[in-house]
Amino acid sequence: MLALDCGHGHATREARLLAYFRHMSENDLPTPVPALPAMTRVSFITSDEAQPAMTLALPIQAVRSNQLFKLAAGVVLTEELIDQLRRRQVNCFAIEIEDTRSIEDIAKRLIDSQEQIQAQFSLLDPAQGVALDLYSSLMEYRLCFN
């Protein structure tokens, strides 16, 4: 193929790509794109539902008898930590769980949630500040925890 030049001394994009791939050997192929990490989502559970090896999705701060108890997001729960949470009366917290849903399922769920919220707010005046704030908060919650 001689039509590598577009007339101005520059090879066309297609011609350059064709030449590049012709000269590549199998060992020179680009490395494959790494797989995406597993997706996770946030779930709220009670301290009675907690199990060792669960990972906190959000930090915990509890004050009891003037003592501050803090756990950072990402901490992996142990039996001892779960017992401490119960003793300090931390009854609910957020954990990370693996999200095995497909992108299509997640999108459908978000669209369904948005339609439900819009139906509930359809009777309210959208110019009303409190209604708009509540609507925005609900939509944000659904986007984060759906």
C-alpha atoms as a PDB file:
ATOM      1  CA  MET A   1       0.000   0.000   0.000  1.00  0.00           C
ATOM      2  CA  LEU A   2       1.605   3.206  -1.183  1.00  0.00           C
ATOM      3  CA  ALA A   3      -1.083   5.653  -0.047  1.00  0.00           C
ATOM      4  CA  LEU A   4       0.608   6.326   3.275  1.00  0.00           C
ATOM      5  CA  ASP A   5       1.092   9.999   2.482  1.00  0.00           C
ATOM      6  CA  CYS A   6      -1.806  12.463   2.334  1.00  0.00           C
ATOM      7  CA  GLY A   7       0.062  14.758  -0.071  1.00  0.00           C
ATOM      8  CA  HIS A   8       1.729  17.037   2.491  1.00  0.00           C
ATOM      9  CA  GLY A   9       4.397  14.670   3.693  1.00  0.00           C
ATOM     10  CA  HIS A  10       2.205  13.410   6.588  1.00  0.00           C
ATOM     11  CA  ALA A  11       0.840   9.900   6.748  1.00  0.00           C
ATOM     12  CA  THR A  12      -2.891   9.570   7.345  1.00  0.00           C
ATOM     13  CA  ARG A  13      -4.014   8.404  10.767  1.00  0.00           C
ATOM     14  CA  GLU A  14      -5.301   5.116   9.379  1.00  0.00           C
ATOM     15  CA  ALA A  15      -2.089   4.485   7.500  1.00  0.00           C
ATOM     16  CA  ARG A  16       0.057   5.178  10.551  1.00  0.00           C
ATOM     17  CA  LEU A  17      -2.054   2.802  12.663  1.00  0.00           C
ATOM     18  CA  LEU A  18      -1.882   0.131   9.974  1.00  0.00           C
ATOM     19  CA  ALA A  19       1.887   0.472   9.758  1.00  0.00           C
ATOM     20  CA  TYR A  20       2.204   0.368  13.546  1.00  0.00           C
ATOM     21  CA  PHE A  21       0.222  -2.844  13.884  1.00  0.00           C
ATOM     22  CA  ARG A  22       1.983  -4.478  10.934  1.00  0.00           C
ATOM     23  CA  HIS A  23       5.371  -4.021  12.583  1.00  0.00           C
ATOM     24  CA  MET A  24       4.335  -5.169  16.018  1.00  0.00           C
ATOM     25  CA  SER A  25       5.210  -8.701  16.910  1.00  0.00           C
ATOM     26  CA  GLU A  26       3.010 -10.688  19.247  1.00  0.00           C
ATOM     27  CA  ASN A  27       5.416  -9.979  22.100  1.00  0.00           C
ATOM     28  CA  ASP A  28       5.052  -6.254  21.547  1.00  0.00           C
ATOM     29  CA  LEU A  29       1.289  -6.209  22.030  1.00  0.00           C
ATOM     30  CA  PRO A  30       0.126  -3.759  24.665  1.00  0.00           C
ATOM     31  CA  THR A  31      -0.585  -5.198  28.086  1.00  0.00           C
ATOM     32  CA  PRO A  32      -4.243  -5.947  28.741  1.00  0.00           C
ATOM     33  CA  VAL A  33      -6.268  -3.487  30.740  1.00  0.00           C
ATOM     34  CA  PRO A  34      -6.441  -4.692  34.357  1.00  0.00           C
ATOM     35  CA  ALA A  35      -9.815  -5.839  35.629  1.00  0.00           C
ATOM     36  CA  LEU A  36     -11.849  -3.325  37.579  1.00  0.00           C
ATOM     37  CA  PRO A  37     -11.794  -3.824  41.337  1.00  0.00           C
ATOM     38  CA  ALA A  38     -14.874  -5.356  42.874  1.00  0.00           C
ATOM     39  CA  MET A  39     -17.603  -2.809  43.468  1.00  0.00           C
ATOM     40  CA  THR A  40     -18.850  -2.270  46.966  1.00  0.00           C
ATOM     41  CA  ARG A  41     -21.818  -0.462  48.423  1.00  0.00           C
ATOM     42  CA  VAL A  42     -22.812   0.761  51.837  1.00  0.00           C
ATOM     43  CA  SER A  43     -25.283  -1.115  53.993  1.00  0.00           C
ATOM     44  CA  PHE A  44     -26.493  -0.130  57.444  1.00  0.00           C
ATOM     45  CA  ILE A  45     -26.681  -2.917  60.012  1.00  0.00           C
ATOM     46  CA  THR A  46     -27.351  -3.259  63.726  1.00  0.00           C
ATOM     47  CA  SER A  47     -24.646  -4.322  66.136  1.00  0.00           C
ATOM     48  CA  ASP A  48     -26.490  -7.653  66.518  1.00  0.00           C
ATOM     49  CA  GLU A  49     -26.069  -8.298  62.775  1.00  0.00           C
ATOM     50  CA  ALA A  50     -22.355  -7.465  62.820  1.00  0.00           C
ATOM     51  CA  GLN A  51     -19.883 -10.251  62.126  1.00  0.00           C
ATOM     52  CA  PRO A  52     -16.102 -10.430  62.259  1.00  0.00           C
ATOM     53  CA  ALA A  53     -14.323  -9.550  58.974  1.00  0.00           C
ATOM     54  CA  MET A  54     -16.920  -6.914  57.994  1.00  0.00           C
ATOM     55  CA  THR A  55     -15.412  -3.565  56.965  1.00  0.00           C
ATOM     56  CA  LEU A  56     -16.697  -0.220  58.223  1.00  0.00           C
ATOM     57  CA  ALA A  57     -17.826   2.036  55.404  1.00  0.00           C
ATOM     58  CA  LEU A  58     -18.162   5.182  57.524  1.00  0.00           C
ATOM     59  CA  PRO A  59     -16.351   6.277  60.684  1.00  0.00           C
ATOM     60  CA  ILE A  60     -17.927   5.699  64.094  1.00  0.00           C
ATOM     61  CA  GLN A  61     -17.761   8.180  66.960  1.00  0.00           C
ATOM     62  CA  ALA A  62     -19.451   7.425  70.254  1.00  0.00           C
ATOM     63  CA  VAL A  63     -19.296   9.273  73.546  1.00  0.00           C
ATOM     64  CA  ARG A  64     -20.242   7.443  76.720  1.00  0.00           C
ATOM     65  CA  SER A  65     -19.379   8.510  80.260  1.00  0.00           C
ATOM     66  CA  ASN A  66     -17.226  11.345  78.895  1.00  0.00           C
ATOM     67  CA  GLN A  67     -15.096   8.881  76.940  1.00  0.00           C
ATOM     68  CA  LEU A  68     -14.722   9.175  73.187  1.00  0.00           C
ATOM     69  CA  PHE A  69     -14.667   5.980  71.143  1.00  0.00           C
ATOM     70  CA  LYS A  70     -13.637   6.320  67.492  1.00  0.00           C
ATOM     71  CA  LEU A  71     -13.224   3.877  64.656  1.00  0.00           C
ATOM     72  CA  ALA A  72     -12.162   4.975  61.169  1.00  0.00           C
ATOM     73  CA  ALA A  73     -13.785   3.918  57.932  1.00  0.00           C
ATOM     74  CA  GLY A  74     -12.013   0.862  56.528  1.00  0.00           C
ATOM     75  CA  VAL A  75     -11.513  -0.819  59.909  1.00  0.00           C
ATOM     76  CA  VAL A  76     -12.160  -4.559  59.743  1.00  0.00           C
ATOM     77  CA  LEU A  77     -14.382  -5.677  62.590  1.00  0.00           C
ATOM     78  CA  THR A  78     -13.244  -8.304  65.042  1.00  0.00           C
ATOM     79  CA  GLU A  79     -15.257 -10.027  67.760  1.00  0.00           C
ATOM     80  CA  GLU A  80     -13.591  -7.749  70.323  1.00  0.00           C
ATOM     81  CA  LEU A  81     -14.528  -4.577  68.406  1.00  0.00           C
ATOM     82  CA  ILE A  82     -18.106  -5.769  67.993  1.00  0.00           C
ATOM     83  CA  ASP A  83     -18.325  -6.361  71.763  1.00  0.00           C
ATOM     84  CA  GLN A  84     -16.943  -2.855  72.387  1.00  0.00           C
ATOM     85  CA  LEU A  85     -19.527  -1.353  70.033  1.00  0.00           C
ATOM     86  CA  ARG A  86     -22.322  -3.146  71.884  1.00  0.00           C
ATOM     87  CA  ARG A  87     -21.010  -2.094  75.311  1.00  0.00           C
ATOM     88  CA  ARG A  88     -20.846   1.526  74.137  1.00  0.00           C
ATOM     89  CA  GLN A  89     -24.405   1.196  72.817  1.00  0.00           C
ATOM     90  CA  VAL A  90     -23.501   1.815  69.184  1.00  0.00           C
ATOM     91  CA  ASN A  91     -26.607   0.207  67.747  1.00  0.00           C
ATOM     92  CA  CYS A  92     -26.258   0.925  64.022  1.00  0.00           C
ATOM     93  CA  PHE A  93     -23.367   1.546  61.665  1.00  0.00           C
ATOM     94  CA  ALA A  94     -22.390   1.351  58.006  1.00  0.00           C
ATOM     95  CA  ILE A  95     -20.441  -1.509  56.478  1.00  0.00           C
ATOM     96  CA  GLU A  96     -19.122  -2.161  52.984  1.00  0.00           C
ATOM     97  CA  ILE A  97     -20.656  -5.086  51.137  1.00  0.00           C
ATOM     98  CA  GLU A  98     -19.749  -6.482  47.740  1.00  0.00           C
ATOM     99  CA  ASP A  99     -22.069  -5.239  45.038  1.00  0.00           C
ATOM    100  CA  THR A 100     -22.655  -8.055  42.562  1.00  0.00           C
ATOM    101  CA  ARG A 101     -25.330  -6.200  40.599  1.00  0.00           C
ATOM    102  CA  SER A 102     -24.683  -5.298  36.981  1.00  0.00           C
ATOM    103  CA  ILE A 103     -24.389  -1.674  35.897  1.00  0.00           C
ATOM    104  CA  GLU A 104     -27.754  -2.056  34.159  1.00  0.00           C
ATOM    105  CA  ASP A 105     -29.422  -3.316  37.380  1.00  0.00           C
ATOM    106  CA  ILE A 106     -27.947  -0.423  39.372  1.00  0.00           C
ATOM    107  CA  ALA A 107     -29.118   2.098  36.772  1.00  0.00           C
ATOM    108  CA  LYS A 108     -32.625   0.605  36.720  1.00  0.00           C
ATOM    109  CA  ARG A 109     -32.812   0.732  40.513  1.00  0.00           C
ATOM    110  CA  LEU A 110     -31.714   4.386  40.552  1.00  0.00           C
ATOM    111  CA  ILE A 111     -34.229   5.333  37.859  1.00  0.00           C
ATOM    112  CA  ASP A 112     -37.017   3.513  39.732  1.00  0.00           C
ATOM    113  CA  SER A 113     -36.046   5.295  42.961  1.00  0.00           C
ATOM    114  CA  GLN A 114     -36.015   8.666  41.232  1.00  0.00           C
ATOM    115  CA  GLU A 115     -39.471   8.029  39.754  1.00  0.00           C
ATOM    116  CA  GLN A 116     -40.842   7.024  43.168  1.00  0.00           C
ATOM    117  CA  ILE A 117     -39.469  10.143  44.812  1.00  0.00           C
ATOM    118  CA  GLN A 118     -40.741  12.372  42.005  1.00  0.00           C
ATOM    119  CA  ALA A 119     -44.216  10.820  42.317  1.00  0.00           C
ATOM    120  CA  GLN A 120     -44.250  11.493  46.071  1.00  0.00           C
ATOM    121  CA  PHE A 121     -43.185  15.106  45.589  1.00  0.00           C
ATOM    122  CA  SER A 122     -45.394  15.820  42.566  1.00  0.00           C
ATOM    123  CA  LEU A 123     -48.147  17.332  44.749  1.00  0.00           C
ATOM    124  CA  LEU A 124     -45.801  19.761  46.491  1.00  0.00           C
ATOM    125  CA  ASP A 125     -44.789  23.171  45.236  1.00  0.00           C
ATOM    126  CA  PRO A 126     -41.235  22.785  43.882  1.00  0.00           C
ATOM    127  CA  ALA A 127     -40.517  26.427  44.702  1.00  0.00           C
ATOM    128  CA  GLN A 128     -41.115  25.723  48.373  1.00  0.00           C
ATOM    129  CA  GLY A 129     -37.685  25.726  50.045  1.00  0.00           C
ATOM    130  CA  VAL A 130     -38.303  22.944  52.553  1.00  0.00           C
ATOM    131  CA  ALA A 131     -39.763  20.618  49.912  1.00  0.00           C
ATOM    132  CA  LEU A 132     -36.842  21.265  47.575  1.00  0.00           C
ATOM    133  CA  ASP A 133     -34.308  20.631  50.360  1.00  0.00           C
ATOM    134  CA  LEU A 134     -36.021  17.380  51.345  1.00  0.00           C
ATOM    135  CA  TYR A 135     -36.254  16.264  47.709  1.00  0.00           C
ATOM    136  CA  SER A 136     -32.528  16.980  47.177  1.00  0.00           C
ATOM    137  CA  SER A 137     -31.592  15.131  50.363  1.00  0.00           C
ATOM    138  CA  LEU A 138     -33.633  12.077  49.412  1.00  0.00           C
ATOM    139  CA  MET A 139     -32.142  11.985  45.923  1.00  0.00           C
ATOM    140  CA  GLU A 140     -28.615  12.257  47.312  1.00  0.00           C
ATOM    141  CA  TYR A 141     -29.319   9.484  49.825  1.00  0.00           C
ATOM    142  CA  ARG A 142     -30.687   7.215  47.084  1.00  0.00           C
ATOM    143  CA  LEU A 143     -27.649   7.859  44.890  1.00  0.00           C
ATOM    144  CA  CYS A 144     -25.241   7.057  47.714  1.00  0.00           C
ATOM    145  CA  PHE A 145     -26.989   4.113  49.381  1.00  0.00           C
ATOM    146  CA  ASN A 146     -29.037   2.426  46.674  1.00  0.00           C
END
